[in-house]
Amino acid sequence: MPPLRRRPKRLEAEPRLLEAGPAAGGFVLPGGGRDGRARRPNARTGSGGPAVTEEQGTLTGVPDGPGAADPETLRRARQIATRLAVPRPRRDTTARRGIGELASLRYRGGSDDIDLDRTVEQLIEHPVPEEDDIIVRERVRTRRSVLLLVDVSGSMRGERVRTAAATVGALAAELSRDDLAVVAFWSDAAQLSRLGRRVPPQTLLDTMLRIPAKGLTNIAFPLQVAARELARIPARDARAVLLSDCVHNAGPDPRPFAARLPRLDVLLDTSGEQDAELARELARLGHGRLRPIRAYTDVAPALSAIFAD
């Protein structure tokens, strides 16, 4: 790959993945493995590999008390949610039967729960029925696993972080039937929610706004986290969405990590400084789409477009 347009700072310490803690808006460094010991990555200093230690740390600069979401951000989230129309994922009846939503399908030897109304309709058209004229009810998985990677570095402060938080709240509400995880990142990262553990949209929005926008932008780290989280998900169901100005100024080149994801779509914040060239490369390598966002009103059509694929 050609060198990056801007030379990112080499990190002296491994980035940390924090997690939402029991205190409102607080974040702690998770402990080690099941035996309680620390997990230490096999990575060189400054490589950007995930690091987990035994220490219990708190993210400083977090406002105390409930109600961190200001009225303007809530208004933006509601407006985005109103205009958001994310299509349901396509059914794959050959590979995802057995779990999920109940659907009427042609008989393939996997169910004895006959849909009488639909079967009678078929028999009217075909008095001498074939096996696949019998319509049965089976459960078909139609859930996506989505990782939303949200930039909260110093370059995303002010109106940008309001738009980012509103996007998190709106998308969490829209994807209530899917599996959504949210990672906020700067030079480190914070796991706001995990796949398989639903967090209310309002809680995600509040937590986002409690993270102080500061620090450098290490895009490689959240892409590594996403790759690890999505590794156990079938590629057809897995995708990551990156919301950032893509001004990558810390850590290793993120492009190789984008190429490891089943799909990566990029929402590029163009309201200030940005790196459109890197954003294009990340979307191309991640087999996804790039959509520019100048204001929060651009979020809903951009998300609707990338989920239409």
Protein backbone atom coordinates (compact mmCIF):
# COMPACT_ATOMS: atom_id res chain seq x y z
CA MET A 1 0.00 0.00 0.00
CA PRO A 2 1.20 3.55 -0.61
CA PRO A 3 2.12 5.51 2.52
CA LEU A 4 -0.55 7.51 4.31
CA ARG A 5 -0.88 11.17 3.36
CA ARG A 6 -0.23 12.26 6.94
CA ARG A 7 2.23 10.49 9.19
CA PRO A 8 0.48 9.31 12.38
CA LYS A 9 2.16 9.50 15.76
CA ARG A 10 3.60 6.22 17.03
CA LEU A 11 1.97 5.33 20.33
CA GLU A 12 4.31 4.70 23.25
CA ALA A 13 1.79 2.48 25.04
CA GLU A 14 -0.81 0.01 23.85
CA PRO A 15 -4.29 1.51 23.47
CA ARG A 16 -6.79 0.45 26.12
CA LEU A 17 -10.31 -0.85 25.62
CA LEU A 18 -12.49 0.48 28.43
CA GLU A 19 -16.03 -0.65 29.17
CA ALA A 20 -19.12 1.05 30.54
CA GLY A 21 -19.01 0.50 34.30
CA PRO A 22 -21.71 0.32 36.95
CA ALA A 23 -21.43 4.00 37.80
CA ALA A 24 -23.51 6.29 35.61
CA GLY A 25 -21.38 7.32 32.69
CA GLY A 26 -18.27 5.73 34.20
CA PHE A 27 -15.82 3.51 32.36
CA VAL A 28 -13.43 0.97 33.79
CA LEU A 29 -10.70 -1.18 32.39
CA PRO A 30 -12.06 -4.75 32.35
CA GLY A 31 -10.18 -7.43 34.26
CA GLY A 32 -8.32 -10.39 32.77
CA GLY A 33 -9.52 -13.82 31.74
CA ARG A 34 -11.80 -16.17 33.66
CA ASP A 35 -8.98 -17.04 36.02
CA GLY A 36 -8.64 -13.38 36.99
CA ARG A 37 -5.20 -13.00 35.47
CA ALA A 38 -4.35 -10.20 33.11
CA ARG A 39 -4.40 -10.88 29.40
CA ARG A 40 -1.37 -9.42 27.67
CA PRO A 41 -1.34 -9.10 23.89
CA ASN A 42 1.43 -10.44 21.73
CA ALA A 43 2.17 -7.10 20.14
CA ARG A 44 5.01 -4.63 20.04
CA THR A 45 4.78 -1.35 21.87
CA GLY A 46 2.93 1.18 19.75
CA SER A 47 1.50 -1.45 17.43
CA GLY A 48 -2.10 -0.63 18.27
CA GLY A 49 -2.97 -4.15 19.45
CA PRO A 50 -5.73 -4.48 22.07
CA ALA A 51 -4.44 -4.35 25.64
CA VAL A 52 -6.22 -5.49 28.80
CA THR A 53 -4.64 -5.14 32.23
CA GLU A 54 -5.46 -6.07 35.83
CA GLU A 55 -5.90 -2.48 36.93
CA GLN A 56 -9.29 -0.92 37.52
CA GLY A 57 -9.23 2.55 36.01
CA THR A 58 -11.81 5.27 35.56
CA LEU A 59 -12.23 7.55 32.57
CA THR A 60 -11.66 11.04 33.93
CA GLY A 61 -13.47 14.18 32.92
CA VAL A 62 -16.89 12.49 32.93
CA PRO A 63 -19.79 14.64 34.19
CA ASP A 64 -21.62 13.38 37.29
CA GLY A 65 -25.31 12.70 37.61
CA PRO A 66 -28.06 11.77 35.17
CA GLY A 67 -29.39 13.76 32.26
CA ALA A 68 -26.15 14.34 30.38
CA ALA A 69 -27.98 14.39 27.04
CA ASP A 70 -28.77 18.01 26.25
CA PRO A 71 -32.08 18.96 24.60
CA GLU A 72 -30.46 19.77 21.25
CA THR A 73 -28.86 16.34 20.97
CA LEU A 74 -32.14 14.66 21.89
CA ARG A 75 -33.91 16.73 19.24
CA ARG A 76 -31.35 15.68 16.63
CA ALA A 77 -31.67 12.02 17.61
CA ARG A 78 -35.46 12.16 17.28
CA GLN A 79 -35.25 13.88 13.90
CA ILE A 80 -32.71 11.36 12.59
CA ALA A 81 -34.84 8.47 13.89
CA THR A 82 -37.96 9.89 12.22
CA ARG A 83 -36.27 9.99 8.81
CA LEU A 84 -34.35 6.72 9.18
CA ALA A 85 -35.62 3.80 7.13
CA VAL A 86 -33.18 0.89 7.38
CA PRO A 87 -34.37 -2.04 5.21
CA ARG A 88 -34.69 -5.42 6.86
CA PRO A 89 -31.93 -7.89 5.89
CA ARG A 90 -32.69 -10.30 3.09
CA ARG A 91 -33.80 -13.76 4.12
CA ASP A 92 -31.42 -16.59 3.33
CA THR A 93 -33.75 -19.56 3.57
CA THR A 94 -31.07 -22.10 2.76
CA ALA A 95 -28.51 -21.12 5.38
CA ARG A 96 -30.34 -19.50 8.27
CA ARG A 97 -33.37 -21.67 9.05
CA GLY A 98 -34.05 -22.76 12.59
CA ILE A 99 -33.87 -19.50 14.59
CA GLY A 100 -35.29 -16.04 14.28
CA GLU A 101 -38.60 -14.81 12.90
CA LEU A 102 -41.48 -17.11 11.92
CA ALA A 103 -41.94 -17.13 8.14
CA SER A 104 -44.02 -19.06 5.59
CA LEU A 105 -41.75 -21.04 3.27
CA ARG A 106 -41.94 -23.86 0.75
CA TYR A 107 -41.49 -27.27 2.33
CA ARG A 108 -37.90 -28.53 2.30
CA GLY A 109 -38.17 -31.36 4.81
CA GLY A 110 -37.41 -29.22 7.82
CA SER A 111 -40.83 -28.51 9.36
CA ASP A 112 -44.23 -30.15 9.88
CA ASP A 113 -46.03 -26.90 10.85
CA ILE A 114 -48.18 -26.44 7.73
CA ASP A 115 -49.48 -22.99 6.82
CA LEU A 116 -52.96 -24.12 5.73
CA ASP A 117 -54.11 -20.84 4.18
CA ARG A 118 -51.02 -20.48 1.99
CA THR A 119 -51.03 -24.19 1.11
CA VAL A 120 -54.69 -24.06 0.00
CA GLU A 121 -53.84 -21.11 -2.26
CA GLN A 122 -51.10 -23.21 -3.86
CA LEU A 123 -53.42 -26.21 -4.32
CA ILE A 124 -55.99 -24.08 -6.14
CA GLU A 125 -53.34 -23.23 -8.71
CA HIS A 126 -51.81 -26.76 -8.74
CA PRO A 127 -54.48 -29.45 -8.12
CA VAL A 128 -51.82 -32.14 -8.38
CA PRO A 129 -49.30 -30.72 -5.92
CA GLU A 130 -45.58 -31.17 -5.87
CA GLU A 131 -43.74 -31.38 -2.57
CA ASP A 132 -42.74 -27.71 -2.65
CA ASP A 133 -46.37 -26.62 -3.08
CA ILE A 134 -46.79 -27.34 0.62
CA ILE A 135 -46.18 -24.16 2.62
CA VAL A 136 -44.86 -24.55 6.15
CA ARG A 137 -43.92 -22.17 8.94
CA GLU A 138 -40.29 -22.06 9.94
CA ARG A 139 -38.13 -19.69 11.88
CA VAL A 140 -35.69 -17.79 9.67
CA ARG A 141 -32.89 -15.69 11.03
CA THR A 142 -33.01 -12.13 9.69
CA ARG A 143 -30.83 -10.35 12.24
CA ARG A 144 -27.72 -8.36 11.43
CA SER A 145 -24.72 -7.95 13.71
CA VAL A 146 -23.60 -4.33 13.46
CA LEU A 147 -20.65 -2.62 15.13
CA LEU A 148 -20.92 1.16 15.20
CA LEU A 149 -17.48 2.76 15.61
CA VAL A 150 -17.79 6.39 16.69
CA ASP A 151 -14.94 8.91 16.74
CA VAL A 152 -14.92 11.02 19.93
CA SER A 153 -11.35 12.33 19.61
CA GLY A 154 -10.41 15.96 20.07
CA SER A 155 -11.19 16.82 16.45
CA MET A 156 -14.80 15.66 16.92
CA ARG A 157 -15.78 17.99 19.75
CA GLY A 158 -18.68 20.44 19.79
CA GLU A 159 -21.34 20.05 17.11
CA ARG A 160 -19.61 16.99 15.71
CA VAL A 161 -19.90 14.99 18.91
CA ARG A 162 -23.55 16.04 19.25
CA THR A 163 -24.23 14.65 15.79
CA ALA A 164 -22.31 11.47 16.63
CA ALA A 165 -24.29 10.92 19.84
CA ALA A 166 -27.59 11.58 18.06
CA THR A 167 -26.60 9.04 15.40
CA VAL A 168 -25.89 6.41 18.06
CA GLY A 169 -29.26 6.95 19.72
CA ALA A 170 -31.23 6.92 16.47
CA LEU A 171 -29.50 3.87 15.01
CA ALA A 172 -29.86 1.92 18.26
CA ALA A 173 -33.62 2.55 18.17
CA GLU A 174 -33.91 1.63 14.48
CA LEU A 175 -31.89 -1.59 14.85
CA SER A 176 -33.82 -2.79 17.91
CA ARG A 177 -34.47 -6.13 16.16
CA ASP A 178 -30.80 -6.55 15.25
CA ASP A 179 -27.63 -7.11 17.26
CA LEU A 180 -25.84 -3.80 17.78
CA ALA A 181 -22.58 -2.98 19.54
CA VAL A 182 -21.14 0.51 19.94
CA VAL A 183 -17.47 1.44 20.37
CA ALA A 184 -16.41 5.04 20.94
CA PHE A 185 -12.76 5.73 20.22
CA TRP A 186 -9.98 8.29 20.39
CA SER A 187 -6.39 7.09 20.99
CA ASP A 188 -8.03 4.52 23.30
CA ALA A 189 -11.58 3.16 22.97
CA ALA A 190 -14.62 2.50 25.14
CA GLN A 191 -17.12 -0.31 24.64
CA LEU A 192 -20.56 1.21 25.19
CA SER A 193 -22.45 -1.97 24.32
CA ARG A 194 -21.61 -5.48 23.16
CA LEU A 195 -23.19 -7.85 20.67
CA GLY A 196 -25.89 -9.85 22.36
CA ARG A 197 -26.37 -7.33 25.20
CA ARG A 198 -29.02 -4.78 24.32
CA VAL A 199 -28.62 -1.32 25.85
CA PRO A 200 -31.51 1.20 25.60
CA PRO A 201 -30.92 3.94 22.99
CA GLN A 202 -31.31 6.69 25.61
CA THR A 203 -28.61 5.07 27.76
CA LEU A 204 -26.21 4.85 24.82
CA LEU A 205 -26.84 8.48 23.93
CA ASP A 206 -26.30 9.63 27.52
CA THR A 207 -23.10 7.60 27.83
CA MET A 208 -21.73 8.97 24.55
CA LEU A 209 -22.13 12.53 25.78
CA ARG A 210 -20.33 11.74 29.03
CA ILE A 211 -17.13 10.87 27.17
CA PRO A 212 -14.95 13.99 26.91
CA ALA A 213 -13.93 14.61 23.29
CA LYS A 214 -10.16 14.69 23.55
CA GLY A 215 -6.98 12.99 22.46
CA LEU A 216 -5.63 11.79 19.14
CA THR A 217 -7.48 9.69 16.56
CA ASN A 218 -6.44 6.05 16.31
CA ILE A 219 -8.75 4.47 13.70
CA ALA A 220 -6.78 1.22 13.58
CA PHE A 221 -7.72 0.25 17.14
CA PRO A 222 -11.53 0.19 16.80
CA LEU A 223 -11.18 -1.69 13.50
CA GLN A 224 -9.18 -4.34 15.38
CA VAL A 225 -11.88 -4.50 18.04
CA ALA A 226 -14.55 -4.85 15.34
CA ALA A 227 -12.66 -7.65 13.60
CA ARG A 228 -12.40 -9.57 16.85
CA GLU A 229 -16.10 -9.06 17.70
CA LEU A 230 -17.33 -10.05 14.24
CA ALA A 231 -15.02 -13.04 13.79
CA ARG A 232 -17.65 -15.43 15.20
CA ILE A 233 -20.49 -14.02 13.05
CA PRO A 234 -21.26 -15.34 9.53
CA ALA A 235 -19.95 -12.80 7.03
CA ARG A 236 -23.39 -12.34 5.46
CA ASP A 237 -24.75 -11.03 8.80
CA ALA A 238 -21.79 -8.93 9.97
CA ARG A 239 -20.82 -5.33 9.23
CA ALA A 240 -19.15 -2.33 10.83
CA VAL A 241 -20.02 1.33 10.39
CA LEU A 242 -17.34 3.97 11.04
CA LEU A 243 -18.39 7.55 11.89
CA SER A 244 -15.33 9.81 11.82
CA ASP A 245 -13.53 12.67 10.12
CA CYS A 246 -10.87 10.00 9.32
CA VAL A 247 -8.04 12.30 10.43
CA HIS A 248 -5.94 9.34 11.59
CA ASN A 249 -3.03 10.80 13.56
CA ALA A 250 -2.03 8.05 16.01
CA GLY A 251 -1.27 4.35 15.80
CA PRO A 252 -0.61 2.01 12.87
CA ASP A 253 -2.03 2.24 9.36
CA PRO A 254 -5.75 1.35 9.66
CA ARG A 255 -6.14 0.16 6.06
CA PRO A 256 -4.98 -3.45 6.58
CA PHE A 257 -7.47 -3.79 9.45
CA ALA A 258 -10.31 -2.47 7.28
CA ALA A 259 -9.54 -5.20 4.74
CA ARG A 260 -10.06 -7.89 7.42
CA LEU A 261 -13.67 -6.92 8.07
CA PRO A 262 -16.58 -8.60 6.26
CA ARG A 263 -17.94 -5.14 5.46
CA LEU A 264 -17.03 -1.61 6.53
CA ASP A 265 -19.13 1.43 5.64
CA VAL A 266 -17.82 4.92 6.37
CA LEU A 267 -19.80 8.00 7.39
CA LEU A 268 -17.32 10.82 6.82
CA ASP A 269 -17.93 13.99 8.85
CA THR A 270 -17.12 16.80 6.42
CA SER A 271 -18.13 19.72 8.65
CA GLY A 272 -14.48 20.50 9.45
CA GLU A 273 -11.04 19.00 8.90
CA GLN A 274 -11.27 15.62 7.22
CA ASP A 275 -9.28 13.03 5.27
CA ALA A 276 -11.54 12.04 2.39
CA GLU A 277 -8.77 10.05 0.70
CA LEU A 278 -8.31 7.74 3.68
CA ALA A 279 -12.09 7.44 4.09
CA ARG A 280 -12.42 6.27 0.49
CA GLU A 281 -9.63 3.74 0.95
CA LEU A 282 -11.17 2.33 4.14
CA ALA A 283 -14.58 1.90 2.50
CA ARG A 284 -13.05 0.32 -0.62
CA LEU A 285 -10.91 -2.14 1.34
CA GLY A 286 -13.84 -2.93 3.63
CA HIS A 287 -16.13 -3.71 0.64
CA GLY A 288 -18.50 -0.98 1.81
CA ARG A 289 -19.72 2.48 0.87
CA LEU A 290 -18.61 5.99 1.76
CA ARG A 291 -21.22 8.62 2.63
CA PRO A 292 -20.31 12.23 3.53
CA ILE A 293 -22.10 13.94 6.43
CA ARG A 294 -21.93 17.71 6.77
CA ALA A 295 -24.83 18.11 9.22
CA TYR A 296 -27.00 15.83 11.32
CA THR A 297 -29.75 16.08 8.69
CA ASP A 298 -27.48 14.09 6.34
CA VAL A 299 -27.26 11.13 8.72
CA ALA A 300 -30.61 9.44 8.05
CA PRO A 301 -30.33 9.28 4.23
CA ALA A 302 -26.70 8.18 4.50
CA LEU A 303 -27.52 5.30 6.85
CA SER A 304 -30.57 4.30 4.84
CA ALA A 305 -28.40 4.14 1.71
CA ILE A 306 -25.64 1.97 3.17
CA PHE A 307 -28.08 -0.48 4.74
CA ALA A 308 -29.97 -0.81 1.46
CA ASP A 309 -27.17 -3.04 0.15
